[in-house]
Amino acid sequence: MTGKTLTLVTRPGIVVDTDGLQLVHSKVKYRQTPINPHTPVTLRVELVGQKAHGRVVVRPPRRTFGQWLLRRRASPSAGA
């Protein structure tokens, strides 16, 4: 992939492995939510290949406006 940003929105139980990705003038930003150690891994995503001139962002889902307003964390079932 050349240019642009690849954004992966994940939920608890999804693991993204970026070790097989070759980066050329690119960055990887991997933000994880604090997870329960008893949460089973339901899906493993392995990124392989070459990424040039762009970014790879792995992040949890954003909070809704109501959650933000009440200063609550995003619920794990919101993405399901």
N, C-alpha and C. Protein backbone atom coordinates (compact mmCIF):
# COMPACT_ATOMS: atom_id res chain seq x y z
N MET A 1 0.85 -1.17 0.00
CA MET A 1 0.00 0.00 0.00
C MET A 1 0.90 1.23 0.00
N THR A 2 0.58 2.17 -0.81
CA THR A 2 1.37 3.39 -0.91
C THR A 2 0.49 4.58 -0.53
N GLY A 3 1.03 5.43 0.34
CA GLY A 3 0.31 6.63 0.75
C GLY A 3 -0.89 6.33 1.62
N LYS A 4 -1.57 7.36 2.04
CA LYS A 4 -2.80 7.29 2.83
C LYS A 4 -2.60 6.64 4.18
N THR A 5 -3.71 6.41 4.88
CA THR A 5 -3.71 5.83 6.21
C THR A 5 -4.58 4.58 6.23
N LEU A 6 -4.06 3.51 6.79
CA LEU A 6 -4.84 2.29 7.01
C LEU A 6 -5.27 2.32 8.47
N THR A 7 -6.59 2.35 8.72
CA THR A 7 -7.12 2.42 10.07
C THR A 7 -7.89 1.14 10.36
N LEU A 8 -7.50 0.45 11.44
CA LEU A 8 -8.19 -0.75 11.88
C LEU A 8 -8.83 -0.45 13.23
N VAL A 9 -10.16 -0.58 13.32
CA VAL A 9 -10.89 -0.34 14.57
C VAL A 9 -11.16 -1.71 15.17
N THR A 10 -10.64 -1.96 16.37
CA THR A 10 -10.73 -3.28 16.98
C THR A 10 -11.54 -3.22 18.26
N ARG A 11 -11.86 -4.38 18.79
CA ARG A 11 -12.55 -4.50 20.07
C ARG A 11 -11.78 -5.50 20.91
N PRO A 12 -12.11 -5.66 22.19
CA PRO A 12 -11.39 -6.64 23.02
C PRO A 12 -11.50 -8.04 22.42
N GLY A 13 -10.39 -8.75 22.42
CA GLY A 13 -10.34 -10.09 21.87
C GLY A 13 -9.74 -10.14 20.48
N ILE A 14 -9.48 -8.99 19.88
CA ILE A 14 -8.87 -8.93 18.56
C ILE A 14 -7.43 -8.45 18.72
N VAL A 15 -6.50 -9.23 18.17
CA VAL A 15 -5.08 -8.93 18.27
C VAL A 15 -4.57 -8.63 16.86
N VAL A 16 -3.81 -7.54 16.71
CA VAL A 16 -3.24 -7.18 15.42
C VAL A 16 -1.72 -7.31 15.51
N ASP A 17 -1.15 -8.12 14.62
CA ASP A 17 0.29 -8.36 14.59
C ASP A 17 0.88 -7.60 13.39
N THR A 18 1.73 -6.61 13.66
CA THR A 18 2.32 -5.80 12.60
C THR A 18 3.79 -6.13 12.36
N ASP A 19 4.26 -7.26 12.92
CA ASP A 19 5.68 -7.61 12.79
C ASP A 19 6.08 -7.95 11.35
N GLY A 20 5.16 -8.43 10.53
CA GLY A 20 5.49 -8.80 9.15
C GLY A 20 5.36 -7.65 8.18
N LEU A 21 5.16 -6.44 8.67
CA LEU A 21 4.95 -5.28 7.82
C LEU A 21 6.27 -4.54 7.63
N GLN A 22 6.65 -4.31 6.38
CA GLN A 22 7.85 -3.54 6.07
C GLN A 22 7.43 -2.09 5.86
N LEU A 23 8.04 -1.19 6.63
CA LEU A 23 7.66 0.22 6.57
C LEU A 23 8.72 1.04 5.86
N VAL A 24 8.29 1.85 4.91
CA VAL A 24 9.18 2.76 4.19
C VAL A 24 8.60 4.16 4.38
N HIS A 25 9.29 4.99 5.18
CA HIS A 25 8.81 6.34 5.49
C HIS A 25 7.39 6.31 6.01
N SER A 26 7.10 5.37 6.93
CA SER A 26 5.77 5.18 7.48
C SER A 26 5.86 4.97 8.99
N LYS A 27 4.69 5.03 9.64
CA LYS A 27 4.61 4.83 11.09
C LYS A 27 3.45 3.90 11.41
N VAL A 28 3.58 3.20 12.54
CA VAL A 28 2.50 2.38 13.07
C VAL A 28 2.13 2.94 14.43
N LYS A 29 0.83 3.19 14.63
CA LYS A 29 0.33 3.66 15.92
C LYS A 29 -0.68 2.63 16.40
N TYR A 30 -0.36 1.95 17.50
CA TYR A 30 -1.18 0.86 18.03
C TYR A 30 -1.67 1.25 19.41
N ARG A 31 -2.94 1.64 19.53
CA ARG A 31 -3.53 2.01 20.82
C ARG A 31 -4.41 0.87 21.28
N GLN A 32 -4.15 0.40 22.48
CA GLN A 32 -4.93 -0.69 23.03
C GLN A 32 -5.72 -0.20 24.23
N THR A 33 -6.88 -0.77 24.41
CA THR A 33 -7.66 -0.48 25.61
C THR A 33 -7.20 -1.42 26.71
N PRO A 34 -7.30 -1.00 27.96
CA PRO A 34 -6.99 -1.93 29.04
C PRO A 34 -7.97 -3.10 28.99
N ILE A 35 -7.44 -4.30 28.83
CA ILE A 35 -8.32 -5.45 28.66
C ILE A 35 -8.22 -6.37 29.87
N ASN A 36 -9.24 -7.14 30.04
CA ASN A 36 -9.27 -8.14 31.09
C ASN A 36 -8.35 -9.29 30.66
N PRO A 37 -7.44 -9.76 31.52
CA PRO A 37 -6.54 -10.84 31.12
C PRO A 37 -7.26 -12.15 30.80
N HIS A 38 -8.53 -12.27 31.19
CA HIS A 38 -9.29 -13.48 30.93
C HIS A 38 -10.05 -13.40 29.60
N THR A 39 -9.92 -12.28 28.86
CA THR A 39 -10.60 -12.14 27.58
C THR A 39 -9.91 -13.04 26.56
N PRO A 40 -10.65 -13.98 25.94
CA PRO A 40 -10.02 -14.86 24.96
C PRO A 40 -9.76 -14.13 23.65
N VAL A 41 -8.74 -14.56 22.94
CA VAL A 41 -8.44 -13.99 21.62
C VAL A 41 -9.39 -14.64 20.63
N THR A 42 -10.27 -13.84 20.03
CA THR A 42 -11.25 -14.36 19.09
C THR A 42 -10.81 -14.20 17.65
N LEU A 43 -9.93 -13.23 17.39
CA LEU A 43 -9.47 -12.99 16.03
C LEU A 43 -8.05 -12.46 16.08
N ARG A 44 -7.19 -13.00 15.22
CA ARG A 44 -5.80 -12.53 15.11
C ARG A 44 -5.61 -12.04 13.69
N VAL A 45 -5.26 -10.76 13.56
CA VAL A 45 -5.04 -10.14 12.26
C VAL A 45 -3.54 -9.95 12.09
N GLU A 46 -2.98 -10.50 11.03
CA GLU A 46 -1.54 -10.38 10.78
C GLU A 46 -1.34 -9.53 9.53
N LEU A 47 -0.67 -8.40 9.68
CA LEU A 47 -0.40 -7.51 8.56
C LEU A 47 0.97 -7.86 7.98
N VAL A 48 1.00 -8.18 6.70
CA VAL A 48 2.25 -8.49 6.02
C VAL A 48 2.29 -7.69 4.73
N GLY A 49 3.49 -7.43 4.25
CA GLY A 49 3.66 -6.68 3.01
C GLY A 49 4.45 -5.42 3.25
N GLN A 50 4.26 -4.45 2.37
CA GLN A 50 5.03 -3.21 2.44
C GLN A 50 4.08 -2.02 2.48
N LYS A 51 4.36 -1.08 3.38
CA LYS A 51 3.59 0.16 3.50
C LYS A 51 4.55 1.31 3.29
N ALA A 52 4.29 2.13 2.29
CA ALA A 52 5.17 3.24 1.97
C ALA A 52 4.41 4.56 2.07
N HIS A 53 5.05 5.53 2.70
CA HIS A 53 4.55 6.91 2.75
C HIS A 53 3.14 7.02 3.31
N GLY A 54 2.95 6.53 4.51
CA GLY A 54 1.64 6.63 5.13
C GLY A 54 1.68 6.15 6.56
N ARG A 55 0.50 5.87 7.10
CA ARG A 55 0.41 5.43 8.50
C ARG A 55 -0.48 4.21 8.59
N VAL A 56 -0.24 3.42 9.64
CA VAL A 56 -1.12 2.32 10.02
C VAL A 56 -1.58 2.64 11.43
N VAL A 57 -2.89 2.75 11.63
CA VAL A 57 -3.45 3.10 12.94
C VAL A 57 -4.36 1.95 13.38
N VAL A 58 -4.08 1.41 14.55
CA VAL A 58 -4.92 0.37 15.15
C VAL A 58 -5.46 0.96 16.44
N ARG A 59 -6.80 1.05 16.54
CA ARG A 59 -7.39 1.72 17.70
C ARG A 59 -8.70 1.07 18.08
N PRO A 60 -9.12 1.31 19.34
CA PRO A 60 -10.44 0.82 19.77
C PRO A 60 -11.53 1.75 19.24
N PRO A 61 -12.80 1.35 19.31
CA PRO A 61 -13.87 2.23 18.86
C PRO A 61 -13.95 3.48 19.73
N ARG A 62 -14.43 4.55 19.13
CA ARG A 62 -14.58 5.79 19.87
C ARG A 62 -15.83 5.76 20.73
N ARG A 63 -15.85 6.61 21.74
CA ARG A 63 -17.02 6.73 22.59
C ARG A 63 -18.11 7.50 21.85
N THR A 64 -19.34 7.21 22.21
CA THR A 64 -20.45 7.98 21.66
C THR A 64 -20.47 9.34 22.34
N PHE A 65 -21.26 10.27 21.83
CA PHE A 65 -21.33 11.59 22.43
C PHE A 65 -21.84 11.51 23.87
N GLY A 66 -22.83 10.64 24.11
CA GLY A 66 -23.37 10.49 25.46
C GLY A 66 -22.33 9.94 26.43
N GLN A 67 -21.51 8.98 25.97
CA GLN A 67 -20.45 8.44 26.83
C GLN A 67 -19.40 9.52 27.10
N TRP A 68 -19.08 10.30 26.10
CA TRP A 68 -18.10 11.38 26.28
C TRP A 68 -18.63 12.42 27.25
N LEU A 69 -19.92 12.78 27.10
CA LEU A 69 -20.52 13.80 27.94
C LEU A 69 -20.57 13.35 29.41
N LEU A 70 -20.88 12.09 29.64
CA LEU A 70 -20.94 11.55 30.99
C LEU A 70 -19.60 11.00 31.47
N ARG A 71 -18.55 11.17 30.66
CA ARG A 71 -17.19 10.73 30.97
C ARG A 71 -17.12 9.24 31.27
N ARG A 72 -17.82 8.46 30.45
CA ARG A 72 -17.80 7.01 30.60
C ARG A 72 -16.89 6.39 29.55
N ARG A 73 -16.38 5.23 29.87
CA ARG A 73 -15.57 4.48 28.89
C ARG A 73 -16.49 3.90 27.83
N ALA A 74 -15.92 3.61 26.67
CA ALA A 74 -16.68 2.95 25.62
C ALA A 74 -17.00 1.54 26.08
N SER A 75 -18.23 1.12 25.91
CA SER A 75 -18.61 -0.22 26.34
C SER A 75 -18.09 -1.24 25.34
N PRO A 76 -17.61 -2.41 25.81
CA PRO A 76 -17.06 -3.41 24.90
C PRO A 76 -18.10 -3.97 23.94
N SER A 77 -19.38 -3.91 24.29
CA SER A 77 -20.40 -4.47 23.41
C SER A 77 -20.89 -3.45 22.37
N ALA A 78 -20.34 -2.22 22.38
CA ALA A 78 -20.79 -1.19 21.43
C ALA A 78 -20.42 -1.56 20.01
N GLY A 79 -19.28 -2.23 19.80
CA GLY A 79 -18.86 -2.58 18.46
C GLY A 79 -19.45 -3.88 17.96
N ALA A 80 -20.09 -4.66 18.82
CA ALA A 80 -20.63 -5.95 18.42
C ALA A 80 -22.03 -5.84 17.88
